[in-house]
């Protein structure tokens, strides 16, 4: 007769409180910021028009941050996303305005092109064994060169008839009284949450990111999954580029880099929330919400133009510090608990 296991003791109150603060502190901060700015600016901030403007303005950043989450889950970084969204958005404008392609075909080509670029990034990182920072910075510079070649350094301006109404409606439409772009963000968050939290694919990405040696020992094909993570990131960057073109309705060859820092701030800061210590979709959404509320609030308070990069840079430093602390805290907890090796993937088990 097998003796029954004694139930594991509940963690101390301090540890449980610390876990709640770590997991939901960023969400509480978002609520606190919203309340503070609402009390400070009662006539402009807590209004439906302002909320709609914030959701609309930050949707592309949120999508790009969610795309950056996938490589970060594997311990890699895709610094080409800023260059990638710039290339995707000017390619969209070039094909529609100059080449006269139908906009649904252009959207499909650009999104698939983003996936191809992501695959190239993954292959360079994994098979050429180049550090992801250097590799994606190099491929990003190449993409920036292509952007300049396409535009010849000038803006792509539509003719007197403008862009097709169906294309601009991708961004300008409203659903349930809110910008449709906000629902794109929610849909993408749901997809990534399902992928990372509920499917084996996500568990393998996390194992690879936290302990590559353990991933190899249990038979996870790390290279394949890392390349897939970069492909997913490139696919999302392509979607963000299409939406950016529909939003701005003009091809600007230098606009992409404006999105690189906010996207990484959102992705890294998101790894300190909901599931502290690892990149996750819900945490990224909460982090982008905090950034959006903060930027909207200081903007309405009359802050000067240089406050925005100061806010983004400071938040990035804080995010990296908090992400490192959360990862170390999670590692210490893992060392004190029984190890649980993940099940090997089907191809490794056969």
Protein backbone atom coordinates (compact mmCIF):
# COMPACT_ATOMS: atom_id res chain seq x y z
CA UNK A 1 0.00 0.00 0.00
CA UNK A 2 1.54 3.28 -1.13
CA UNK A 3 1.72 5.84 1.63
CA UNK A 4 -0.15 9.00 0.87
CA UNK A 5 1.84 12.15 0.37
CA UNK A 6 1.46 14.87 2.91
CA UNK A 7 0.01 18.00 1.35
CA UNK A 8 2.65 20.58 0.55
CA UNK A 9 2.64 23.44 3.05
CA UNK A 10 1.20 26.71 1.89
CA UNK A 11 3.79 29.35 1.12
CA UNK A 12 4.30 32.04 3.76
CA UNK A 13 2.06 35.08 3.66
CA UNK A 14 4.94 37.33 2.69
CA UNK A 15 5.81 35.16 -0.30
CA UNK A 16 2.18 35.01 -1.47
CA UNK A 17 1.88 38.79 -1.11
CA UNK A 18 5.12 39.25 -3.04
CA UNK A 19 3.80 36.99 -5.79
CA UNK A 20 0.59 39.01 -6.05
CA UNK A 21 2.55 42.26 -6.23
CA UNK A 22 4.88 40.83 -8.85
CA UNK A 23 2.08 39.40 -10.97
CA UNK A 24 -0.50 42.16 -10.72
CA UNK A 25 1.45 45.21 -9.57
CA UNK A 26 1.76 46.52 -13.13
CA UNK A 27 -1.99 46.15 -13.62
CA UNK A 28 -2.58 48.07 -10.40
CA UNK A 29 -0.17 50.74 -11.64
CA UNK A 30 -2.20 51.11 -14.83
CA UNK A 31 -5.37 51.63 -12.79
CA UNK A 32 -3.57 54.08 -10.47
CA UNK A 33 -2.21 56.10 -13.40
CA UNK A 34 -5.62 56.26 -15.03
CA UNK A 35 -7.22 57.40 -11.77
CA UNK A 36 -4.50 60.01 -11.16
CA UNK A 37 -4.74 61.54 -14.62
CA UNK A 38 -8.54 61.39 -14.50
CA UNK A 39 -8.57 63.42 -11.28
CA UNK A 40 -5.94 65.82 -12.60
CA UNK A 41 -7.58 66.27 -16.02
CA UNK A 42 -11.26 65.50 -15.39
CA UNK A 43 -12.52 67.30 -18.49
CA UNK A 44 -10.27 65.63 -21.07
CA UNK A 45 -8.68 62.43 -19.81
CA UNK A 46 -11.53 60.10 -18.67
CA UNK A 47 -13.58 60.72 -21.80
CA UNK A 48 -14.58 58.27 -24.51
CA UNK A 49 -12.87 60.39 -27.16
CA UNK A 50 -9.58 60.31 -25.28
CA UNK A 51 -9.81 56.59 -24.59
CA UNK A 52 -10.53 55.94 -28.27
CA UNK A 53 -7.59 58.12 -29.28
CA UNK A 54 -5.24 56.29 -26.92
CA UNK A 55 -6.40 52.89 -28.15
CA UNK A 56 -6.03 53.97 -31.75
CA UNK A 57 -2.63 55.64 -31.38
CA UNK A 58 -1.03 52.80 -29.43
CA UNK A 59 -2.46 49.84 -31.36
CA UNK A 60 0.49 49.52 -33.77
CA UNK A 61 2.97 49.72 -30.88
CA UNK A 62 1.01 47.07 -28.98
CA UNK A 63 0.97 44.72 -31.97
CA UNK A 64 4.71 45.19 -32.49
CA UNK A 65 5.38 44.56 -28.79
CA UNK A 66 3.36 41.33 -28.95
CA UNK A 67 5.41 40.26 -31.95
CA UNK A 68 8.66 40.93 -30.06
CA UNK A 69 7.40 38.71 -27.22
CA UNK A 70 7.86 35.49 -29.20
CA UNK A 71 11.66 35.63 -29.66
CA UNK A 72 12.09 36.98 -26.13
CA UNK A 73 10.33 33.85 -24.83
CA UNK A 74 13.24 31.83 -26.28
CA UNK A 75 15.88 34.14 -24.83
CA UNK A 76 16.50 35.89 -28.17
CA UNK A 77 15.92 39.46 -29.28
CA UNK A 78 14.71 40.73 -32.63
CA UNK A 79 16.10 44.23 -33.05
CA UNK A 80 15.01 44.28 -36.68
CA UNK A 81 11.34 44.88 -35.86
CA UNK A 82 11.70 48.66 -36.12
CA UNK A 83 13.33 48.39 -39.53
CA UNK A 84 10.87 45.66 -40.50
CA UNK A 85 7.75 47.68 -39.82
CA UNK A 86 9.26 50.57 -41.81
CA UNK A 87 9.97 48.31 -44.78
CA UNK A 88 6.54 46.65 -44.57
CA UNK A 89 4.68 49.94 -44.48
CA UNK A 90 6.55 51.59 -47.39
CA UNK A 91 6.25 48.37 -49.43
CA UNK A 92 2.51 48.46 -48.83
CA UNK A 93 2.30 52.06 -50.00
CA UNK A 94 4.57 51.43 -52.99
CA UNK A 95 2.55 48.47 -54.26
CA UNK A 96 -0.80 50.21 -53.82
CA UNK A 97 0.09 53.76 -54.92
CA UNK A 98 2.83 53.24 -57.51
CA UNK A 99 2.28 49.73 -58.81
CA UNK A 100 -1.52 49.76 -58.65
CA UNK A 101 -1.93 46.35 -57.00
CA UNK A 102 -5.22 45.49 -55.31
CA UNK A 103 -4.95 46.17 -51.59
CA UNK A 104 -6.00 42.66 -50.38
CA UNK A 105 -3.20 41.13 -52.46
CA UNK A 106 -0.74 43.70 -51.14
CA UNK A 107 -1.69 42.92 -47.54
CA UNK A 108 -1.18 39.21 -48.14
CA UNK A 109 2.19 39.70 -49.86
CA UNK A 110 3.50 42.05 -47.16
CA UNK A 111 2.44 39.82 -44.27
CA UNK A 112 3.94 36.72 -45.91
CA UNK A 113 7.05 38.76 -46.70
CA UNK A 114 7.34 39.59 -43.02
CA UNK A 115 7.24 35.86 -42.23
CA UNK A 116 10.03 35.25 -44.75
CA UNK A 117 12.15 37.97 -43.16
CA UNK A 118 11.53 36.39 -39.77
CA UNK A 119 12.66 33.03 -41.12
CA UNK A 120 15.87 34.64 -42.40
CA UNK A 121 16.48 36.14 -38.97
CA UNK A 122 15.95 32.79 -37.30
CA UNK A 123 18.26 30.97 -39.70
CA UNK A 124 21.00 33.57 -39.29
CA UNK A 125 20.74 33.41 -35.49
CA UNK A 126 20.54 29.65 -35.14
CA UNK A 127 22.41 28.16 -38.08
CA UNK A 128 25.05 30.87 -38.53
CA UNK A 129 25.41 30.99 -34.73
CA UNK A 130 25.42 34.78 -34.56
CA UNK A 131 24.20 36.50 -31.43
CA UNK A 132 20.59 37.64 -31.91
CA UNK A 133 21.43 41.26 -31.05
CA UNK A 134 24.09 41.46 -33.75
CA UNK A 135 22.28 39.29 -36.30
CA UNK A 136 18.98 41.15 -36.20
CA UNK A 137 20.73 44.50 -36.09
CA UNK A 138 22.53 43.50 -39.27
CA UNK A 139 19.43 42.22 -41.05
CA UNK A 140 17.57 45.31 -39.85
CA UNK A 141 20.18 47.55 -41.45
CA UNK A 142 19.76 45.63 -44.70
CA UNK A 143 15.99 46.15 -44.48
CA UNK A 144 16.55 49.84 -43.91
CA UNK A 145 18.66 49.91 -47.07
CA UNK A 146 15.82 48.27 -49.01
CA UNK A 147 13.45 50.87 -47.56
CA UNK A 148 15.65 53.66 -48.86
CA UNK A 149 15.98 51.95 -52.24
CA UNK A 150 12.20 51.60 -52.61
CA UNK A 151 11.46 55.19 -51.66
CA UNK A 152 14.69 56.81 -52.87
CA UNK A 153 14.64 58.61 -49.53
CA UNK A 154 11.39 60.41 -50.31
CA UNK A 155 7.86 59.95 -49.05
CA UNK A 156 5.27 58.00 -51.01
CA UNK A 157 2.22 60.23 -51.36
CA UNK A 158 -1.09 58.92 -52.76
CA UNK A 159 -2.71 60.64 -55.72
CA UNK A 160 -5.70 62.99 -55.53
CA UNK A 161 -8.10 60.07 -55.07
CA UNK A 162 -6.22 58.83 -52.02
CA UNK A 163 -5.99 55.22 -50.91
CA UNK A 164 -8.79 52.65 -51.43
CA UNK A 165 -11.53 53.08 -48.86
CA UNK A 166 -11.45 49.38 -48.00
CA UNK A 167 -7.77 49.62 -47.14
CA UNK A 168 -8.02 52.67 -44.89
CA UNK A 169 -11.05 51.08 -43.22
CA UNK A 170 -8.68 48.42 -41.84
CA UNK A 171 -7.58 51.07 -39.37
CA UNK A 172 -10.25 53.78 -39.37
CA UNK A 173 -13.29 51.57 -38.75
CA UNK A 174 -15.00 51.36 -35.39
CA UNK A 175 -16.60 48.42 -33.63
CA UNK A 176 -18.81 48.72 -30.55
CA UNK A 177 -17.94 52.41 -30.46
CA UNK A 178 -14.18 51.78 -30.24
CA UNK A 179 -11.43 51.74 -32.89
CA UNK A 180 -11.25 48.41 -34.66
CA UNK A 181 -7.46 48.41 -34.23
CA UNK A 182 -7.95 47.87 -30.50
CA UNK A 183 -9.77 44.62 -31.26
CA UNK A 184 -6.86 43.51 -33.44
CA UNK A 185 -4.65 43.89 -30.38
CA UNK A 186 -7.06 41.90 -28.22
CA UNK A 187 -7.35 39.16 -30.85
CA UNK A 188 -3.58 38.88 -31.22
CA UNK A 189 -3.17 38.80 -27.44
CA UNK A 190 -5.67 35.94 -27.22
CA UNK A 191 -3.89 34.00 -29.97
CA UNK A 192 -0.47 34.42 -28.35
CA UNK A 193 -1.87 33.59 -24.90
CA UNK A 194 -3.28 30.35 -26.27
CA UNK A 195 -0.06 29.59 -28.12
CA UNK A 196 2.28 30.30 -25.23
CA UNK A 197 0.24 29.22 -22.22
CA UNK A 198 -1.95 26.38 -23.42
CA UNK A 199 -0.14 24.60 -26.25
CA UNK A 200 3.05 22.50 -26.20
CA UNK A 201 4.66 24.93 -28.63
CA UNK A 202 4.67 27.66 -26.00
CA UNK A 203 5.98 25.37 -23.27
CA UNK A 204 8.88 24.36 -25.50
CA UNK A 205 9.70 28.01 -26.20
CA UNK A 206 9.81 28.73 -22.48
CA UNK A 207 12.02 25.72 -21.76
CA UNK A 208 14.40 26.79 -24.53
CA UNK A 209 14.51 30.31 -23.16
CA UNK A 210 15.04 29.34 -19.53
CA UNK A 211 17.37 26.34 -19.95
CA UNK A 212 18.60 25.46 -23.46
CA UNK A 213 20.63 22.54 -22.09
CA UNK A 214 17.54 20.97 -20.52
CA UNK A 215 15.65 21.47 -23.78
CA UNK A 216 18.34 19.52 -25.64
CA UNK A 217 18.35 16.75 -23.03
CA UNK A 218 14.60 16.13 -23.34
CA UNK A 219 14.79 16.16 -27.13
CA UNK A 220 13.26 19.51 -27.99
CA UNK A 221 14.56 20.63 -31.41
CA UNK A 222 15.60 24.09 -30.22
CA UNK A 223 16.69 25.40 -33.61
CA UNK A 224 13.36 24.61 -35.22
CA UNK A 225 11.33 26.26 -32.47
CA UNK A 226 13.53 29.36 -32.35
CA UNK A 227 13.22 29.81 -36.11
CA UNK A 228 9.44 29.43 -35.74
CA UNK A 229 9.46 32.12 -33.03
CA UNK A 230 11.24 34.51 -35.40
CA UNK A 231 8.82 33.61 -38.19
CA UNK A 232 5.90 34.45 -35.91
CA UNK A 233 7.55 37.73 -34.97
CA UNK A 234 8.10 38.62 -38.64
CA UNK A 235 4.50 37.74 -39.45
CA UNK A 236 3.25 40.12 -36.75
CA UNK A 237 5.63 42.83 -37.94
CA UNK A 238 4.13 42.49 -41.43
CA UNK A 239 0.63 42.96 -39.99
CA UNK A 240 1.81 46.00 -38.03
CA UNK A 241 3.34 47.47 -41.19
CA UNK A 242 0.08 47.14 -43.11
CA UNK A 243 -1.85 48.81 -40.28
CA UNK A 244 0.74 51.57 -40.06
CA UNK A 245 0.29 52.29 -43.77
CA UNK A 246 -3.49 52.37 -43.33
CA UNK A 247 -3.07 54.71 -40.36
CA UNK A 248 -0.60 57.21 -41.79
CA UNK A 249 -1.75 56.93 -45.43
CA UNK A 250 1.69 58.08 -46.55
CA UNK A 251 4.95 56.22 -47.00
CA UNK A 252 7.61 57.56 -44.64
CA UNK A 253 10.98 55.72 -44.93
CA UNK A 254 12.18 56.77 -41.46
CA UNK A 255 9.08 56.15 -39.35
CA UNK A 256 9.84 52.56 -38.33
CA UNK A 257 12.55 53.30 -35.78
CA UNK A 258 10.09 55.35 -33.73
CA UNK A 259 8.38 52.08 -32.81
CA UNK A 260 11.42 50.00 -31.86
CA UNK A 261 12.01 51.34 -28.35
CA UNK A 262 8.33 51.46 -27.23
CA UNK A 263 7.79 47.92 -28.53
CA UNK A 264 10.74 46.53 -26.59
CA UNK A 265 9.77 48.48 -23.49
CA UNK A 266 6.32 46.88 -23.67
CA UNK A 267 7.65 43.37 -24.26
CA UNK A 268 10.34 43.51 -21.56
CA UNK A 269 8.16 45.28 -19.01
CA UNK A 270 5.43 42.75 -19.77
CA UNK A 271 7.74 39.93 -18.66
CA UNK A 272 7.49 41.33 -15.11
CA UNK A 273 3.68 41.07 -14.96
CA UNK A 274 1.04 38.30 -14.88
CA UNK A 275 3.73 35.60 -15.30
CA UNK A 276 6.81 37.32 -13.80
CA UNK A 277 10.13 36.11 -15.12
CA UNK A 278 9.03 35.21 -18.62
CA UNK A 279 7.64 37.02 -21.63
CA UNK A 280 3.88 36.57 -21.92
CA UNK A 281 1.11 38.09 -24.00
CA UNK A 282 -1.12 39.32 -21.17
CA UNK A 283 1.81 40.94 -19.42
CA UNK A 284 2.82 42.69 -22.64
CA UNK A 285 -0.72 44.00 -23.07
CA UNK A 286 -0.73 45.35 -19.52
CA UNK A 287 2.69 46.95 -20.02
CA UNK A 288 1.62 48.66 -23.24
CA UNK A 289 -1.48 49.91 -21.43
CA UNK A 290 0.68 51.47 -18.71
CA UNK A 291 2.87 53.14 -21.33
CA UNK A 292 -0.15 54.38 -23.29
CA UNK A 293 -1.81 55.88 -20.20
CA UNK A 294 1.44 57.47 -19.08
CA UNK A 295 2.23 59.01 -22.46
CA UNK A 296 -1.33 60.26 -22.94
CA UNK A 297 -1.36 61.79 -19.48
CA UNK A 298 1.94 63.62 -19.69
CA UNK A 299 1.03 64.76 -23.19
CA UNK A 300 -2.19 66.36 -21.97
CA UNK A 301 -0.31 67.99 -19.10
CA UNK A 302 1.67 69.91 -21.70
CA UNK A 303 5.00 68.08 -21.53
CA UNK A 304 7.54 69.06 -24.15
CA UNK A 305 8.55 66.82 -27.05
CA UNK A 306 11.70 65.47 -25.36
CA UNK A 307 9.71 64.01 -22.45
CA UNK A 308 8.45 61.10 -24.58
CA UNK A 309 11.89 59.61 -25.39
CA UNK A 310 12.96 60.31 -21.80
CA UNK A 311 9.90 58.41 -20.55
CA UNK A 312 10.53 55.50 -22.95
CA UNK A 313 14.24 55.26 -22.17
CA UNK A 314 13.77 55.41 -18.41
CA UNK A 315 10.98 52.86 -18.56
CA UNK A 316 13.18 50.55 -20.66
CA UNK A 317 15.94 50.65 -18.04
CA UNK A 318 13.41 49.94 -15.30
CA UNK A 319 11.86 47.16 -17.38
CA UNK A 320 15.21 45.44 -17.99
CA UNK A 321 16.07 45.68 -14.31
CA UNK A 322 12.72 44.32 -13.20
CA UNK A 323 12.80 41.55 -15.83
CA UNK A 324 16.23 40.46 -14.60
CA UNK A 325 15.07 40.51 -10.99
CA UNK A 326 11.93 38.51 -11.83
CA UNK A 327 14.00 35.93 -13.75
CA UNK A 328 16.44 35.52 -10.85
CA UNK A 329 13.58 35.24 -8.37
CA UNK A 330 11.93 32.57 -10.48
CA UNK A 331 15.23 30.68 -10.75
CA UNK A 332 15.66 30.70 -6.98
CA UNK A 333 12.13 29.37 -6.51
CA UNK A 334 12.73 26.67 -9.10
CA UNK A 335 15.83 25.49 -7.26
CA UNK A 336 13.82 25.04 -4.05
CA UNK A 337 11.06 23.04 -5.76
CA UNK A 338 11.14 19.53 -7.28
CA UNK A 339 12.24 19.68 -10.89
CA UNK A 340 9.56 18.97 -13.47
CA UNK A 341 10.98 18.08 -16.86
CA UNK A 342 8.64 18.79 -19.77
CA UNK A 343 7.39 15.98 -21.91
CA UNK A 344 9.48 15.59 -25.05
CA UNK A 345 7.81 16.53 -28.32
CA UNK A 346 6.34 13.69 -30.41
CA UNK A 347 9.17 13.72 -32.94
CA UNK A 348 11.72 13.31 -30.16
CA UNK A 349 9.82 10.53 -28.41
CA UNK A 350 9.65 8.30 -31.47
